[in-house]
Amino acid sequence: MLCLLNGRRDFQRTLGEGERTTNYRTSGGELRPFQAQNLQQRHTAQINPDTTSGEEFPWRSIHWNQPSYLFPATLAEQRSQGGVIGRALVAAQVGFGKWFHISFTGAPFGTYCTALFQTPPDTSVCGKQPKEELFSSEGVNIADYAYQLTKDVRPYQFMHIAGSNKGQKRSESLESSATDADDVTTDS
């Protein structure tokens, strides 16, 4: 939300229950791009072997007529977050088609979320690519794991939309890394 949507926090709930399924499908989440057997073919990467579930944003409960973003997450985190969001929408009486403002409190936040929830949101963090602990992995820049579905027919493909590999498919970034490694010379 902070960097890809310039800190936007106001959204409209889906117009009906069926839109949730459509949103998840168009995000590429149902293609299971972060499961080990799909990584190479889908041009994606996991943060660690536990991050096999696709976290889409905007969430499937948000009315959105633009391409969504997808990040690897753990299934446990997905289930927990989905439950919290669903309960919050019900408790706030946000019906289908109604607008709402996203705000979180109580949890320890990483750099991006801390910046997002400032008034106004601090987008200066976006170019800094902070590395943090995420899903028990140290040194993670979540922007390096931001994807968008670019080909929705076989073979399905995702592209990096942020971070150090922005605009590349995973295979292109690996080729770039290999080329850079070939340029290194050592004294022998």
N, C-alpha and C. Protein backbone atom coordinates (compact mmCIF):
# COMPACT_ATOMS: atom_id res chain seq x y z
N MET A 1 0.82 -1.19 0.00
CA MET A 1 0.00 0.00 0.00
C MET A 1 0.86 1.25 0.00
N LEU A 2 1.95 1.22 0.74
CA LEU A 2 2.76 2.42 0.88
C LEU A 2 3.42 2.80 -0.44
N CYS A 3 4.21 1.92 -0.98
CA CYS A 3 5.02 2.26 -2.15
C CYS A 3 4.30 2.04 -3.47
N LEU A 4 3.55 0.98 -3.60
CA LEU A 4 2.89 0.68 -4.87
C LEU A 4 1.64 1.52 -5.08
N LEU A 5 1.00 1.95 -4.00
CA LEU A 5 -0.23 2.74 -4.12
C LEU A 5 -0.09 4.10 -3.44
N ASN A 6 1.15 4.56 -3.24
CA ASN A 6 1.43 5.89 -2.70
C ASN A 6 0.75 6.15 -1.36
N GLY A 7 0.68 5.13 -0.53
CA GLY A 7 0.12 5.29 0.81
C GLY A 7 -1.40 5.28 0.88
N ARG A 8 -2.03 4.90 -0.19
CA ARG A 8 -3.50 4.87 -0.21
C ARG A 8 -4.02 3.90 0.85
N ARG A 9 -5.03 4.34 1.62
CA ARG A 9 -5.61 3.49 2.66
C ARG A 9 -7.13 3.46 2.61
N ASP A 10 -7.74 4.13 1.65
CA ASP A 10 -9.19 4.12 1.50
C ASP A 10 -9.57 3.24 0.32
N PHE A 11 -10.44 2.28 0.59
CA PHE A 11 -10.83 1.31 -0.43
C PHE A 11 -12.32 1.01 -0.35
N GLN A 12 -12.84 0.43 -1.41
CA GLN A 12 -14.24 0.03 -1.46
C GLN A 12 -14.32 -1.49 -1.33
N ARG A 13 -15.23 -1.95 -0.50
CA ARG A 13 -15.43 -3.40 -0.36
C ARG A 13 -16.02 -3.95 -1.66
N THR A 14 -15.78 -5.21 -1.90
CA THR A 14 -16.33 -5.84 -3.11
C THR A 14 -17.82 -5.57 -3.23
N LEU A 15 -18.31 -5.62 -4.47
CA LEU A 15 -19.72 -5.34 -4.72
C LEU A 15 -20.60 -6.55 -4.39
N GLY A 16 -19.98 -7.73 -4.26
CA GLY A 16 -20.71 -8.94 -3.91
C GLY A 16 -19.74 -10.06 -3.60
N GLU A 17 -20.22 -11.14 -3.04
CA GLU A 17 -19.37 -12.26 -2.62
C GLU A 17 -18.59 -12.87 -3.78
N GLY A 18 -19.19 -12.95 -4.97
CA GLY A 18 -18.53 -13.56 -6.12
C GLY A 18 -17.28 -12.83 -6.58
N GLU A 19 -17.20 -11.54 -6.29
CA GLU A 19 -16.04 -10.75 -6.70
C GLU A 19 -14.77 -11.19 -5.96
N ARG A 20 -14.93 -11.73 -4.76
CA ARG A 20 -13.76 -12.21 -4.00
C ARG A 20 -13.02 -13.29 -4.78
N THR A 21 -13.74 -14.23 -5.35
CA THR A 21 -13.13 -15.32 -6.12
C THR A 21 -12.44 -14.76 -7.36
N THR A 22 -13.10 -13.84 -8.04
CA THR A 22 -12.51 -13.22 -9.23
C THR A 22 -11.23 -12.49 -8.87
N ASN A 23 -11.22 -11.75 -7.76
CA ASN A 23 -10.03 -11.00 -7.35
C ASN A 23 -8.86 -11.94 -7.09
N TYR A 24 -9.12 -13.04 -6.41
CA TYR A 24 -8.03 -13.98 -6.10
C TYR A 24 -7.49 -14.60 -7.37
N ARG A 25 -8.38 -14.95 -8.29
CA ARG A 25 -7.96 -15.55 -9.55
C ARG A 25 -7.13 -14.56 -10.38
N THR A 26 -7.59 -13.31 -10.50
CA THR A 26 -6.86 -12.35 -11.33
C THR A 26 -5.55 -11.89 -10.70
N SER A 27 -5.40 -12.05 -9.38
CA SER A 27 -4.12 -11.73 -8.74
C SER A 27 -3.06 -12.77 -9.07
N GLY A 28 -3.51 -13.96 -9.48
CA GLY A 28 -2.59 -15.07 -9.74
C GLY A 28 -2.42 -15.97 -8.53
N GLY A 29 -3.06 -15.64 -7.42
CA GLY A 29 -2.92 -16.42 -6.20
C GLY A 29 -3.33 -17.87 -6.35
N GLU A 30 -4.39 -18.12 -7.12
CA GLU A 30 -4.85 -19.51 -7.26
C GLU A 30 -3.91 -20.35 -8.12
N LEU A 31 -2.95 -19.71 -8.78
CA LEU A 31 -1.96 -20.45 -9.59
C LEU A 31 -0.84 -21.02 -8.72
N ARG A 32 -0.89 -20.74 -7.44
CA ARG A 32 0.08 -21.23 -6.47
C ARG A 32 1.52 -20.95 -6.90
N PRO A 33 1.83 -19.68 -7.16
CA PRO A 33 3.15 -19.33 -7.70
C PRO A 33 4.31 -19.49 -6.73
N PHE A 34 4.02 -19.65 -5.44
CA PHE A 34 5.10 -19.75 -4.46
C PHE A 34 5.32 -21.16 -3.94
N GLN A 35 4.63 -22.13 -4.50
CA GLN A 35 4.90 -23.52 -4.14
C GLN A 35 6.14 -23.99 -4.91
N ALA A 36 6.95 -24.77 -4.25
CA ALA A 36 8.28 -25.14 -4.77
C ALA A 36 8.24 -25.64 -6.21
N GLN A 37 7.27 -26.47 -6.54
CA GLN A 37 7.22 -27.05 -7.88
C GLN A 37 6.87 -26.02 -8.97
N ASN A 38 6.42 -24.82 -8.56
CA ASN A 38 6.01 -23.80 -9.54
C ASN A 38 6.97 -22.63 -9.66
N LEU A 39 7.96 -22.53 -8.80
CA LEU A 39 8.81 -21.35 -8.75
C LEU A 39 9.48 -21.02 -10.08
N GLN A 40 10.14 -21.97 -10.66
CA GLN A 40 10.86 -21.71 -11.91
C GLN A 40 9.90 -21.38 -13.05
N GLN A 41 8.87 -22.15 -13.17
CA GLN A 41 7.91 -21.96 -14.27
C GLN A 41 7.15 -20.64 -14.14
N ARG A 42 6.82 -20.23 -12.91
CA ARG A 42 6.05 -19.00 -12.69
C ARG A 42 6.93 -17.76 -12.57
N HIS A 43 8.26 -17.96 -12.51
CA HIS A 43 9.22 -16.85 -12.37
C HIS A 43 9.07 -16.15 -11.02
N THR A 44 8.91 -16.93 -9.97
CA THR A 44 8.72 -16.38 -8.63
C THR A 44 9.77 -16.96 -7.67
N ALA A 45 9.79 -16.44 -6.45
CA ALA A 45 10.71 -16.94 -5.42
C ALA A 45 10.00 -16.89 -4.07
N GLN A 46 10.41 -17.76 -3.18
CA GLN A 46 9.91 -17.77 -1.81
C GLN A 46 10.86 -16.96 -0.93
N ILE A 47 10.34 -16.43 0.16
CA ILE A 47 11.20 -15.82 1.17
C ILE A 47 11.94 -16.92 1.90
N ASN A 48 11.22 -17.99 2.22
CA ASN A 48 11.79 -19.21 2.78
C ASN A 48 10.81 -20.34 2.44
N PRO A 49 11.16 -21.60 2.70
CA PRO A 49 10.28 -22.70 2.30
C PRO A 49 8.88 -22.70 2.90
N ASP A 50 8.64 -21.90 3.95
CA ASP A 50 7.31 -21.82 4.54
C ASP A 50 6.39 -20.84 3.82
N THR A 51 6.95 -19.98 2.97
CA THR A 51 6.15 -18.93 2.32
C THR A 51 5.63 -19.42 0.97
N THR A 52 4.67 -20.32 1.05
CA THR A 52 4.12 -20.95 -0.16
C THR A 52 2.76 -20.41 -0.57
N SER A 53 2.20 -19.50 0.22
CA SER A 53 0.87 -18.98 -0.06
C SER A 53 0.97 -17.58 -0.67
N GLY A 54 0.11 -17.25 -1.60
CA GLY A 54 0.12 -15.94 -2.24
C GLY A 54 -0.73 -14.94 -1.49
N GLU A 55 -0.12 -13.87 -1.00
CA GLU A 55 -0.84 -12.78 -0.33
C GLU A 55 -1.09 -11.70 -1.36
N GLU A 56 -2.35 -11.54 -1.73
CA GLU A 56 -2.68 -10.56 -2.76
C GLU A 56 -3.03 -9.21 -2.12
N PHE A 57 -2.69 -8.16 -2.82
CA PHE A 57 -3.17 -6.85 -2.45
C PHE A 57 -3.48 -6.08 -3.72
N PRO A 58 -4.59 -5.40 -3.75
CA PRO A 58 -5.61 -5.35 -2.73
C PRO A 58 -6.18 -6.73 -2.42
N TRP A 59 -6.60 -6.88 -1.17
CA TRP A 59 -7.15 -8.14 -0.71
C TRP A 59 -8.36 -8.54 -1.53
N ARG A 60 -8.69 -9.79 -1.49
CA ARG A 60 -9.83 -10.27 -2.27
C ARG A 60 -11.14 -9.63 -1.85
N SER A 61 -11.19 -9.02 -0.67
CA SER A 61 -12.41 -8.36 -0.19
C SER A 61 -12.54 -6.91 -0.68
N ILE A 62 -11.58 -6.44 -1.47
CA ILE A 62 -11.58 -5.06 -1.96
C ILE A 62 -11.99 -5.02 -3.42
N HIS A 63 -12.91 -4.11 -3.74
CA HIS A 63 -13.32 -3.89 -5.14
C HIS A 63 -12.15 -3.21 -5.85
N TRP A 64 -11.68 -3.84 -6.93
CA TRP A 64 -10.45 -3.37 -7.58
C TRP A 64 -10.49 -3.78 -9.03
N ASN A 65 -10.42 -2.84 -9.93
CA ASN A 65 -10.47 -3.15 -11.37
C ASN A 65 -9.12 -2.93 -12.04
N GLN A 66 -8.06 -3.15 -11.31
CA GLN A 66 -6.70 -2.99 -11.84
C GLN A 66 -5.91 -4.24 -11.47
N PRO A 67 -4.74 -4.42 -12.07
CA PRO A 67 -3.93 -5.58 -11.68
C PRO A 67 -3.56 -5.53 -10.20
N SER A 68 -3.59 -6.69 -9.57
CA SER A 68 -3.26 -6.81 -8.15
C SER A 68 -1.78 -7.14 -7.99
N TYR A 69 -1.32 -7.07 -6.77
CA TYR A 69 0.06 -7.41 -6.43
C TYR A 69 0.04 -8.68 -5.60
N LEU A 70 1.09 -9.46 -5.69
CA LEU A 70 1.15 -10.74 -4.99
C LEU A 70 2.50 -10.89 -4.31
N PHE A 71 2.46 -11.36 -3.08
CA PHE A 71 3.66 -11.56 -2.26
C PHE A 71 3.62 -12.95 -1.66
N PRO A 72 4.78 -13.59 -1.43
CA PRO A 72 4.77 -14.88 -0.74
C PRO A 72 4.52 -14.67 0.76
N ALA A 73 3.72 -15.56 1.34
CA ALA A 73 3.42 -15.51 2.77
C ALA A 73 3.23 -16.93 3.27
N THR A 74 3.15 -17.09 4.56
CA THR A 74 2.87 -18.42 5.11
C THR A 74 1.36 -18.64 5.10
N LEU A 75 0.96 -19.87 5.01
CA LEU A 75 -0.47 -20.20 5.04
C LEU A 75 -1.09 -19.78 6.37
N ALA A 76 -0.36 -19.96 7.47
CA ALA A 76 -0.86 -19.56 8.79
C ALA A 76 -1.12 -18.06 8.84
N GLU A 77 -0.21 -17.27 8.30
CA GLU A 77 -0.39 -15.81 8.27
C GLU A 77 -1.59 -15.44 7.42
N GLN A 78 -1.74 -16.10 6.30
CA GLN A 78 -2.88 -15.84 5.41
C GLN A 78 -4.20 -16.10 6.13
N ARG A 79 -4.30 -17.23 6.79
CA ARG A 79 -5.54 -17.59 7.49
C ARG A 79 -5.83 -16.60 8.61
N SER A 80 -4.81 -16.24 9.36
CA SER A 80 -4.97 -15.30 10.47
C SER A 80 -5.41 -13.94 9.95
N GLN A 81 -4.71 -13.44 8.96
CA GLN A 81 -5.02 -12.12 8.42
C GLN A 81 -6.41 -12.09 7.80
N GLY A 82 -6.76 -13.12 7.04
CA GLY A 82 -8.09 -13.18 6.43
C GLY A 82 -9.19 -13.14 7.47
N GLY A 83 -8.99 -13.85 8.57
CA GLY A 83 -9.98 -13.84 9.64
C GLY A 83 -10.11 -12.48 10.30
N VAL A 84 -8.98 -11.84 10.56
CA VAL A 84 -8.99 -10.52 11.18
C VAL A 84 -9.68 -9.50 10.27
N ILE A 85 -9.36 -9.52 8.98
CA ILE A 85 -9.96 -8.57 8.05
C ILE A 85 -11.47 -8.81 7.94
N GLY A 86 -11.86 -10.06 7.80
CA GLY A 86 -13.29 -10.38 7.70
C GLY A 86 -14.06 -9.94 8.93
N ARG A 87 -13.52 -10.23 10.11
CA ARG A 87 -14.19 -9.82 11.35
C ARG A 87 -14.25 -8.30 11.48
N ALA A 88 -13.20 -7.61 11.06
CA ALA A 88 -13.17 -6.15 11.14
C ALA A 88 -14.22 -5.53 10.22
N LEU A 89 -14.38 -6.06 9.02
CA LEU A 89 -15.39 -5.54 8.10
C LEU A 89 -16.79 -5.74 8.66
N VAL A 90 -17.03 -6.90 9.26
CA VAL A 90 -18.34 -7.17 9.85
C VAL A 90 -18.57 -6.26 11.07
N ALA A 91 -17.58 -6.16 11.94
CA ALA A 91 -17.73 -5.35 13.15
C ALA A 91 -17.97 -3.88 12.83
N ALA A 92 -17.32 -3.39 11.78
CA ALA A 92 -17.48 -1.99 11.38
C ALA A 92 -18.70 -1.79 10.48
N GLN A 93 -19.41 -2.86 10.23
CA GLN A 93 -20.61 -2.84 9.38
C GLN A 93 -20.32 -2.26 7.99
N VAL A 94 -19.21 -2.72 7.42
CA VAL A 94 -18.84 -2.32 6.06
C VAL A 94 -19.47 -3.33 5.11
N GLY A 95 -20.61 -2.96 4.55
CA GLY A 95 -21.33 -3.84 3.64
C GLY A 95 -20.72 -3.83 2.24
N PHE A 96 -21.21 -4.71 1.38
CA PHE A 96 -20.73 -4.75 0.00
C PHE A 96 -20.89 -3.37 -0.65
N GLY A 97 -19.83 -2.95 -1.35
CA GLY A 97 -19.84 -1.68 -2.07
C GLY A 97 -19.55 -0.46 -1.21
N LYS A 98 -19.39 -0.63 0.09
CA LYS A 98 -19.13 0.49 0.99
C LYS A 98 -17.63 0.78 1.07
N TRP A 99 -17.29 2.02 1.32
CA TRP A 99 -15.90 2.45 1.43
C TRP A 99 -15.43 2.31 2.87
N PHE A 100 -14.12 2.04 3.05
CA PHE A 100 -13.55 1.93 4.39
C PHE A 100 -12.11 2.40 4.37
N HIS A 101 -11.58 2.69 5.54
CA HIS A 101 -10.21 3.18 5.72
C HIS A 101 -9.43 2.12 6.47
N ILE A 102 -8.27 1.72 5.94
CA ILE A 102 -7.46 0.68 6.58
C ILE A 102 -6.55 1.30 7.63
N SER A 103 -6.61 0.73 8.82
CA SER A 103 -5.75 1.16 9.91
C SER A 103 -5.51 -0.03 10.82
N PHE A 104 -4.28 -0.23 11.23
CA PHE A 104 -3.94 -1.33 12.12
C PHE A 104 -3.31 -0.76 13.39
N THR A 105 -3.57 -1.40 14.51
CA THR A 105 -2.98 -0.98 15.77
C THR A 105 -2.55 -2.21 16.55
N GLY A 106 -1.64 -2.00 17.47
CA GLY A 106 -1.31 -3.05 18.42
C GLY A 106 -0.14 -3.94 18.09
N ALA A 107 0.04 -4.29 16.84
CA ALA A 107 1.12 -5.22 16.48
C ALA A 107 2.42 -4.46 16.27
N PRO A 108 3.55 -5.10 16.50
CA PRO A 108 4.80 -4.43 16.13
C PRO A 108 4.89 -4.39 14.60
N PHE A 109 5.18 -3.23 14.07
CA PHE A 109 5.22 -3.05 12.62
C PHE A 109 6.65 -2.97 12.12
N GLY A 110 6.84 -3.41 10.89
CA GLY A 110 8.12 -3.23 10.21
C GLY A 110 8.21 -1.82 9.65
N THR A 111 9.28 -1.56 8.94
CA THR A 111 9.55 -0.23 8.40
C THR A 111 8.44 0.29 7.49
N TYR A 112 7.99 -0.55 6.56
CA TYR A 112 6.97 -0.10 5.61
C TYR A 112 5.64 0.22 6.30
N CYS A 113 5.19 -0.64 7.20
CA CYS A 113 3.91 -0.40 7.87
C CYS A 113 3.99 0.79 8.81
N THR A 114 5.10 0.94 9.51
CA THR A 114 5.28 2.11 10.39
C THR A 114 5.17 3.38 9.56
N ALA A 115 5.81 3.41 8.41
CA ALA A 115 5.76 4.58 7.53
C ALA A 115 4.35 4.79 6.96
N LEU A 116 3.67 3.71 6.62
CA LEU A 116 2.33 3.81 6.06
C LEU A 116 1.35 4.44 7.04
N PHE A 117 1.45 4.09 8.31
CA PHE A 117 0.47 4.55 9.29
C PHE A 117 0.84 5.88 9.94
N GLN A 118 1.82 6.58 9.40
CA GLN A 118 2.07 7.94 9.83
C GLN A 118 1.11 8.87 9.11
N THR A 119 0.93 10.06 9.63
CA THR A 119 0.05 11.04 8.99
C THR A 119 0.87 12.24 8.58
N PRO A 120 1.06 12.47 7.29
CA PRO A 120 0.68 11.61 6.17
C PRO A 120 1.66 10.44 6.07
N PRO A 121 1.33 9.43 5.27
CA PRO A 121 2.24 8.30 5.09
C PRO A 121 3.62 8.77 4.61
N ASP A 122 4.66 8.18 5.15
CA ASP A 122 6.03 8.55 4.82
C ASP A 122 6.55 7.68 3.69
N THR A 123 6.38 8.14 2.46
CA THR A 123 6.80 7.35 1.29
C THR A 123 8.30 7.43 1.04
N SER A 124 9.04 8.21 1.84
CA SER A 124 10.49 8.30 1.62
C SER A 124 11.19 6.96 1.85
N VAL A 125 10.57 6.06 2.59
CA VAL A 125 11.16 4.75 2.85
C VAL A 125 11.19 3.89 1.58
N CYS A 126 10.34 4.21 0.62
CA CYS A 126 10.18 3.35 -0.56
C CYS A 126 11.46 3.16 -1.36
N GLY A 127 12.28 4.16 -1.49
CA GLY A 127 13.52 4.02 -2.24
C GLY A 127 14.67 3.46 -1.44
N LYS A 128 14.48 3.26 -0.15
CA LYS A 128 15.57 2.82 0.73
C LYS A 128 15.74 1.31 0.80
N GLN A 129 14.73 0.56 0.41
CA GLN A 129 14.76 -0.90 0.40
C GLN A 129 15.28 -1.50 1.72
N PRO A 130 14.57 -1.24 2.81
CA PRO A 130 15.01 -1.75 4.11
C PRO A 130 14.96 -3.28 4.18
N LYS A 131 15.90 -3.84 4.90
CA LYS A 131 15.94 -5.29 5.10
C LYS A 131 15.56 -5.58 6.55
N GLU A 132 14.60 -6.50 6.71
CA GLU A 132 14.06 -6.79 8.03
C GLU A 132 13.86 -8.28 8.20
N GLU A 133 13.47 -8.68 9.41
CA GLU A 133 13.08 -10.06 9.63
C GLU A 133 11.63 -10.22 9.22
N LEU A 134 11.37 -11.23 8.41
CA LEU A 134 10.02 -11.51 7.96
C LEU A 134 9.86 -13.01 7.84
N PHE A 135 8.84 -13.56 8.44
CA PHE A 135 8.58 -14.99 8.44
C PHE A 135 9.82 -15.77 8.91
N SER A 136 10.43 -15.26 9.97
CA SER A 136 11.62 -15.86 10.61
C SER A 136 12.85 -15.88 9.72
N SER A 137 12.87 -15.06 8.69
CA SER A 137 14.05 -14.93 7.83
C SER A 137 14.61 -13.52 7.98
N GLU A 138 15.91 -13.42 8.21
CA GLU A 138 16.58 -12.13 8.39
C GLU A 138 16.95 -11.54 7.03
N GLY A 139 17.06 -10.22 6.98
CA GLY A 139 17.58 -9.53 5.81
C GLY A 139 16.64 -9.52 4.61
N VAL A 140 15.34 -9.52 4.84
CA VAL A 140 14.36 -9.57 3.76
C VAL A 140 13.91 -8.15 3.39
N ASN A 141 13.98 -7.82 2.13
CA ASN A 141 13.36 -6.60 1.62
C ASN A 141 12.10 -7.06 0.91
N ILE A 142 10.94 -6.81 1.50
CA ILE A 142 9.68 -7.31 0.95
C ILE A 142 9.46 -6.83 -0.48
N ALA A 143 9.99 -5.68 -0.84
CA ALA A 143 9.83 -5.18 -2.21
C ALA A 143 10.43 -6.15 -3.23
N ASP A 144 11.44 -6.90 -2.84
CA ASP A 144 12.06 -7.87 -3.75
C ASP A 144 11.15 -9.07 -4.01
N TYR A 145 10.05 -9.16 -3.28
CA TYR A 145 9.12 -10.28 -3.43
C TYR A 145 7.73 -9.81 -3.87
N ALA A 146 7.68 -8.64 -4.46
CA ALA A 146 6.41 -8.10 -4.97
C ALA A 146 6.27 -8.50 -6.44
N TYR A 147 5.19 -9.20 -6.75
CA TYR A 147 4.97 -9.72 -8.10
C TYR A 147 3.63 -9.28 -8.65
N GLN A 148 3.53 -9.35 -9.97
CA GLN A 148 2.26 -9.14 -10.64
C GLN A 148 2.16 -10.16 -11.76
N LEU A 149 0.98 -10.73 -11.92
CA LEU A 149 0.73 -11.70 -12.98
C LEU A 149 0.80 -10.97 -14.32
N THR A 150 1.67 -11.43 -15.21
CA THR A 150 1.82 -10.77 -16.51
C THR A 150 1.33 -11.61 -17.67
N LYS A 151 1.17 -12.90 -17.43
CA LYS A 151 0.67 -13.78 -18.47
C LYS A 151 -0.29 -14.76 -17.82
N ASP A 152 -1.58 -14.62 -18.13
CA ASP A 152 -2.58 -15.42 -17.44
C ASP A 152 -3.06 -16.63 -18.24
N VAL A 153 -2.25 -17.04 -19.21
CA VAL A 153 -2.48 -18.31 -19.92
C VAL A 153 -1.18 -19.09 -19.84
N ARG A 154 -1.25 -20.39 -20.03
CA ARG A 154 -0.05 -21.21 -19.91
C ARG A 154 1.01 -20.83 -20.93
N PRO A 155 2.27 -20.77 -20.56
CA PRO A 155 2.79 -20.87 -19.20
C PRO A 155 2.58 -19.54 -18.46
N TYR A 156 2.01 -19.59 -17.26
CA TYR A 156 1.74 -18.40 -16.47
C TYR A 156 3.06 -17.77 -16.04
N GLN A 157 3.10 -16.45 -16.02
CA GLN A 157 4.33 -15.77 -15.62
C GLN A 157 4.02 -14.58 -14.73
N PHE A 158 4.94 -14.33 -13.82
CA PHE A 158 4.86 -13.19 -12.91
C PHE A 158 6.09 -12.34 -13.11
N MET A 159 5.95 -11.04 -12.85
CA MET A 159 7.07 -10.12 -12.98
C MET A 159 7.27 -9.38 -11.66
N HIS A 160 8.53 -9.08 -11.35
CA HIS A 160 8.84 -8.24 -10.19
C HIS A 160 8.29 -6.84 -10.47
N ILE A 161 7.59 -6.28 -9.52
CA ILE A 161 7.05 -4.94 -9.72
C ILE A 161 7.68 -3.91 -8.78
N ALA A 162 8.63 -4.33 -7.97
CA ALA A 162 9.29 -3.41 -7.04
C ALA A 162 10.64 -4.01 -6.67
N GLY A 163 11.39 -3.28 -5.89
CA GLY A 163 12.65 -3.79 -5.37
C GLY A 163 13.77 -3.79 -6.38
N SER A 164 14.81 -4.52 -6.06
CA SER A 164 16.03 -4.51 -6.88
C SER A 164 15.85 -5.17 -8.24
N ASN A 165 14.83 -5.99 -8.42
CA ASN A 165 14.60 -6.66 -9.71
C ASN A 165 13.36 -6.13 -10.44
N LYS A 166 12.93 -4.92 -10.12
CA LYS A 166 11.72 -4.34 -10.71
C LYS A 166 11.75 -4.44 -12.23
N GLY A 167 10.64 -4.92 -12.78
CA GLY A 167 10.51 -5.02 -14.23
C GLY A 167 11.07 -6.29 -14.83
N GLN A 168 11.61 -7.17 -14.01
CA GLN A 168 12.19 -8.41 -14.51
C GLN A 168 11.38 -9.61 -14.08
N LYS A 169 11.43 -10.63 -14.94
CA LYS A 169 10.93 -11.93 -14.52
C LYS A 169 12.04 -12.55 -13.70
N ARG A 170 11.71 -13.49 -12.86
CA ARG A 170 12.72 -14.10 -12.00
C ARG A 170 13.87 -14.66 -12.81
N SER A 171 13.58 -15.32 -13.92
CA SER A 171 14.66 -15.91 -14.71
C SER A 171 15.60 -14.85 -15.25
N GLU A 172 15.08 -13.66 -15.59
CA GLU A 172 15.93 -12.59 -16.08
C GLU A 172 16.85 -12.09 -14.97
N SER A 173 16.32 -11.98 -13.73
CA SER A 173 17.15 -11.50 -12.64
C SER A 173 18.23 -12.51 -12.30
N LEU A 174 17.92 -13.82 -12.42
CA LEU A 174 18.95 -14.83 -12.18
C LEU A 174 20.02 -14.78 -13.26
N GLU A 175 19.62 -14.56 -14.51
CA GLU A 175 20.59 -14.43 -15.59
C GLU A 175 21.48 -13.22 -15.36
N SER A 176 20.89 -12.12 -14.90
CA SER A 176 21.65 -10.91 -14.62
C SER A 176 22.67 -11.16 -13.52
N SER A 177 22.26 -11.87 -12.47
CA SER A 177 23.18 -12.19 -11.38
C SER A 177 24.32 -13.07 -11.86
N ALA A 178 24.00 -14.03 -12.73
CA ALA A 178 25.04 -14.92 -13.25
C ALA A 178 26.02 -14.13 -14.12
N THR A 179 25.52 -13.22 -14.92
CA THR A 179 26.38 -12.40 -15.77
C THR A 179 27.28 -11.53 -14.91
N ASP A 180 26.72 -10.91 -13.86
CA ASP A 180 27.52 -10.11 -12.96
C ASP A 180 28.60 -10.94 -12.30
N ALA A 181 28.29 -12.16 -11.92
CA ALA A 181 29.26 -13.05 -11.28
C ALA A 181 30.38 -13.40 -12.25
N ASP A 182 30.06 -13.55 -13.55
CA ASP A 182 31.07 -13.87 -14.55
C ASP A 182 32.06 -12.72 -14.74
N ASP A 183 31.64 -11.49 -14.41
CA ASP A 183 32.50 -10.33 -14.58
C ASP A 183 33.52 -10.20 -13.47
N VAL A 184 33.36 -10.95 -12.40
CA VAL A 184 34.26 -10.86 -11.27
C VAL A 184 35.54 -11.62 -11.60
N THR A 185 36.67 -10.97 -11.38
CA THR A 185 37.95 -11.64 -11.62
C THR A 185 38.66 -11.80 -10.27
N THR A 186 39.45 -12.83 -10.17
CA THR A 186 40.20 -13.07 -8.94
C THR A 186 41.66 -13.26 -9.29
N ASP A 187 42.51 -12.94 -8.35
CA ASP A 187 43.94 -13.19 -8.54
C ASP A 187 44.21 -14.63 -8.14
N SER A 188 44.90 -15.37 -9.00
CA SER A 188 45.18 -16.76 -8.63
C SER A 188 46.65 -17.05 -8.67
